[in-house]
Amino acid sequence: MIENEVLSRIEFLLKYRRWSVYKLAQASGLPYSSLNNIFNRKTCPTIPTLEKICFGLNISLSDFFDYSSNPLRTNNLTDHEQELINCYQSLSVHDKELFDTYLQGLCKKNPLK
């Protein structure tokens, strides 16, 4: 029972961030095969593994288990602004550089007031 809730929470956070299991493995320092096995076998991760998952997502364990909130959501942003941030976070380093350059060009063309 709890396994399903924990796995569902991880899947929700991954989907919200637009991350794959591979991206989570990179961010958390966990082997991709270990994370993949957790999902394929529908097993609950150990507390140390869950701590590493939370570290990779940049949230605390208490945030993870607070099902009433989304710890990845920035409250003072609109849904559209939050979606833009989520998309940006899913980009590769190279694509982030391209995006930054494009955005700087747009801001110079249409300066913020």
C-alpha atoms as a PDB file:
ATOM      1  CA  MET A   1       0.000   0.000   0.000  1.00  0.00           C
ATOM      2  CA  ILE A   2       2.600   2.567   1.043  1.00  0.00           C
ATOM      3  CA  GLU A   3       4.809   1.429  -1.841  1.00  0.00           C
ATOM      4  CA  ASN A   4       2.198   2.628  -4.319  1.00  0.00           C
ATOM      5  CA  GLU A   5       1.889   6.001  -2.593  1.00  0.00           C
ATOM      6  CA  VAL A   6       5.652   6.552  -2.514  1.00  0.00           C
ATOM      7  CA  LEU A   7       6.082   5.510  -6.145  1.00  0.00           C
ATOM      8  CA  SER A   8       3.132   7.653  -7.201  1.00  0.00           C
ATOM      9  CA  ARG A   9       4.629  10.629  -5.396  1.00  0.00           C
ATOM     10  CA  ILE A  10       7.993  10.160  -7.112  1.00  0.00           C
ATOM     11  CA  GLU A  11       6.275   9.787 -10.494  1.00  0.00           C
ATOM     12  CA  PHE A  12       4.217  12.930  -9.838  1.00  0.00           C
ATOM     13  CA  LEU A  13       7.334  14.940  -8.972  1.00  0.00           C
ATOM     14  CA  LEU A  14       9.190  13.613 -12.007  1.00  0.00           C
ATOM     15  CA  LYS A  15       6.296  14.448 -14.300  1.00  0.00           C
ATOM     16  CA  TYR A  16       5.985  17.908 -12.779  1.00  0.00           C
ATOM     17  CA  ARG A  17       9.685  18.553 -13.338  1.00  0.00           C
ATOM     18  CA  ARG A  18       9.541  16.933 -16.780  1.00  0.00           C
ATOM     19  CA  TRP A  19      12.321  14.608 -15.683  1.00  0.00           C
ATOM     20  CA  SER A  20      12.994  11.048 -16.694  1.00  0.00           C
ATOM     21  CA  VAL A  21      14.190   8.360 -14.309  1.00  0.00           C
ATOM     22  CA  TYR A  22      17.592   8.787 -15.926  1.00  0.00           C
ATOM     23  CA  LYS A  23      17.644  12.518 -15.096  1.00  0.00           C
ATOM     24  CA  LEU A  24      16.684  11.703 -11.490  1.00  0.00           C
ATOM     25  CA  ALA A  25      19.523   9.173 -11.332  1.00  0.00           C
ATOM     26  CA  GLN A  26      21.975  11.841 -12.478  1.00  0.00           C
ATOM     27  CA  ALA A  27      20.685  14.439 -10.001  1.00  0.00           C
ATOM     28  CA  SER A  28      20.495  12.074  -7.037  1.00  0.00           C
ATOM     29  CA  GLY A  29      23.697  10.133  -7.590  1.00  0.00           C
ATOM     30  CA  LEU A  30      21.804   6.850  -7.637  1.00  0.00           C
ATOM     31  CA  PRO A  31      22.431   4.230 -10.306  1.00  0.00           C
ATOM     32  CA  TYR A  32      19.821   4.355 -13.051  1.00  0.00           C
ATOM     33  CA  SER A  33      19.414   0.572 -12.810  1.00  0.00           C
ATOM     34  CA  SER A  34      18.509   0.838  -9.123  1.00  0.00           C
ATOM     35  CA  LEU A  35      15.836   3.459  -9.744  1.00  0.00           C
ATOM     36  CA  ASN A  36      14.529   1.594 -12.751  1.00  0.00           C
ATOM     37  CA  ASN A  37      14.232  -1.598 -10.688  1.00  0.00           C
ATOM     38  CA  ILE A  38      12.242   0.249  -8.031  1.00  0.00           C
ATOM     39  CA  PHE A  39       9.699   1.322 -10.637  1.00  0.00           C
ATOM     40  CA  ASN A  40       9.611  -1.947 -12.577  1.00  0.00           C
ATOM     41  CA  ARG A  41       9.253  -4.112  -9.492  1.00  0.00           C
ATOM     42  CA  LYS A  42       6.943  -1.639  -7.740  1.00  0.00           C
ATOM     43  CA  THR A  43       9.043  -1.741  -4.576  1.00  0.00           C
ATOM     44  CA  CYS A  44       9.328   0.960  -1.974  1.00  0.00           C
ATOM     45  CA  PRO A  45      12.757   2.605  -1.870  1.00  0.00           C
ATOM     46  CA  THR A  46      14.704   2.422   1.376  1.00  0.00           C
ATOM     47  CA  ILE A  47      14.953   5.552   3.496  1.00  0.00           C
ATOM     48  CA  PRO A  48      18.569   6.232   2.406  1.00  0.00           C
ATOM     49  CA  THR A  49      17.522   5.855  -1.244  1.00  0.00           C
ATOM     50  CA  LEU A  50      14.524   8.112  -0.694  1.00  0.00           C
ATOM     51  CA  GLU A  51      16.788  10.684   0.951  1.00  0.00           C
ATOM     52  CA  LYS A  52      18.988  10.664  -2.163  1.00  0.00           C
ATOM     53  CA  ILE A  53      15.919  11.013  -4.380  1.00  0.00           C
ATOM     54  CA  CYS A  54      14.805  14.014  -2.327  1.00  0.00           C
ATOM     55  CA  PHE A  55      18.318  15.463  -2.521  1.00  0.00           C
ATOM     56  CA  GLY A  56      18.199  15.133  -6.313  1.00  0.00           C
ATOM     57  CA  LEU A  57      14.823  16.865  -6.418  1.00  0.00           C
ATOM     58  CA  ASN A  58      16.100  19.515  -3.972  1.00  0.00           C
ATOM     59  CA  ILE A  59      13.351  18.866  -1.428  1.00  0.00           C
ATOM     60  CA  SER A  60      13.290  17.527   2.124  1.00  0.00           C
ATOM     61  CA  LEU A  61      11.833  14.206   3.241  1.00  0.00           C
ATOM     62  CA  SER A  62       9.082  16.070   5.082  1.00  0.00           C
ATOM     63  CA  ASP A  63       8.257  17.938   1.855  1.00  0.00           C
ATOM     64  CA  PHE A  64       8.131  14.614   0.042  1.00  0.00           C
ATOM     65  CA  PHE A  65       5.557  13.188   2.470  1.00  0.00           C
ATOM     66  CA  ASP A  66       3.437  16.343   2.606  1.00  0.00           C
ATOM     67  CA  TYR A  67       0.885  15.163   0.066  1.00  0.00           C
ATOM     68  CA  SER A  68      -1.199  18.304   0.532  1.00  0.00           C
ATOM     69  CA  SER A  69       1.375  20.444  -1.244  1.00  0.00           C
ATOM     70  CA  ASN A  70       3.718  20.374  -4.192  1.00  0.00           C
ATOM     71  CA  PRO A  71       7.227  21.149  -2.933  1.00  0.00           C
ATOM     72  CA  LEU A  72       8.390  21.924  -6.468  1.00  0.00           C
ATOM     73  CA  ARG A  73       5.763  24.613  -6.998  1.00  0.00           C
ATOM     74  CA  THR A  74       6.765  28.229  -6.445  1.00  0.00           C
ATOM     75  CA  ASN A  75       3.692  29.852  -4.945  1.00  0.00           C
ATOM     76  CA  ASN A  76       4.143  33.391  -6.235  1.00  0.00           C
ATOM     77  CA  LEU A  77       4.205  32.371  -9.908  1.00  0.00           C
ATOM     78  CA  THR A  78       1.333  31.895 -12.290  1.00  0.00           C
ATOM     79  CA  ASP A  79       0.775  28.408 -13.690  1.00  0.00           C
ATOM     80  CA  HIS A  80       2.243  29.546 -17.010  1.00  0.00           C
ATOM     81  CA  GLU A  81       5.365  30.969 -15.364  1.00  0.00           C
ATOM     82  CA  GLN A  82       5.838  27.773 -13.357  1.00  0.00           C
ATOM     83  CA  GLU A  83       5.483  25.692 -16.529  1.00  0.00           C
ATOM     84  CA  LEU A  84       8.188  27.800 -18.202  1.00  0.00           C
ATOM     85  CA  ILE A  85      10.529  27.176 -15.269  1.00  0.00           C
ATOM     86  CA  ASN A  86       9.781  23.453 -15.364  1.00  0.00           C
ATOM     87  CA  CYS A  87      10.546  23.367 -19.080  1.00  0.00           C
ATOM     88  CA  TYR A  88      13.767  25.313 -18.557  1.00  0.00           C
ATOM     89  CA  GLN A  89      14.903  22.918 -15.821  1.00  0.00           C
ATOM     90  CA  SER A  90      14.446  19.972 -18.162  1.00  0.00           C
ATOM     91  CA  LEU A  91      16.738  21.450 -20.838  1.00  0.00           C
ATOM     92  CA  SER A  92      20.310  20.365 -21.416  1.00  0.00           C
ATOM     93  CA  VAL A  93      23.106  22.772 -20.489  1.00  0.00           C
ATOM     94  CA  HIS A  94      23.583  23.666 -24.160  1.00  0.00           C
ATOM     95  CA  ASP A  95      19.874  24.319 -24.698  1.00  0.00           C
ATOM     96  CA  LYS A  96      19.768  26.459 -21.549  1.00  0.00           C
ATOM     97  CA  GLU A  97      22.589  28.570 -22.966  1.00  0.00           C
ATOM     98  CA  LEU A  98      20.690  28.968 -26.242  1.00  0.00           C
ATOM     99  CA  PHE A  99      17.523  29.898 -24.390  1.00  0.00           C
ATOM    100  CA  ASP A 100      19.359  32.419 -22.204  1.00  0.00           C
ATOM    101  CA  THR A 101      20.893  34.079 -25.259  1.00  0.00           C
ATOM    102  CA  TYR A 102      17.529  34.229 -27.031  1.00  0.00           C
ATOM    103  CA  LEU A 103      15.800  35.652 -23.962  1.00  0.00           C
ATOM    104  CA  GLN A 104      18.477  38.305 -23.513  1.00  0.00           C
ATOM    105  CA  GLY A 105      17.997  39.293 -27.161  1.00  0.00           C
ATOM    106  CA  LEU A 106      14.244  39.566 -26.681  1.00  0.00           C
ATOM    107  CA  CYS A 107      14.643  41.700 -23.570  1.00  0.00           C
ATOM    108  CA  LYS A 108      16.970  44.114 -25.397  1.00  0.00           C
ATOM    109  CA  LYS A 109      14.501  44.344 -28.254  1.00  0.00           C
ATOM    110  CA  ASN A 110      11.566  44.853 -25.870  1.00  0.00           C
ATOM    111  CA  PRO A 111      13.062  46.193 -22.619  1.00  0.00           C
ATOM    112  CA  LEU A 112      11.163  45.373 -19.463  1.00  0.00           C
ATOM    113  CA  LYS A 113       9.460  48.386 -17.904  1.00  0.00           C
END
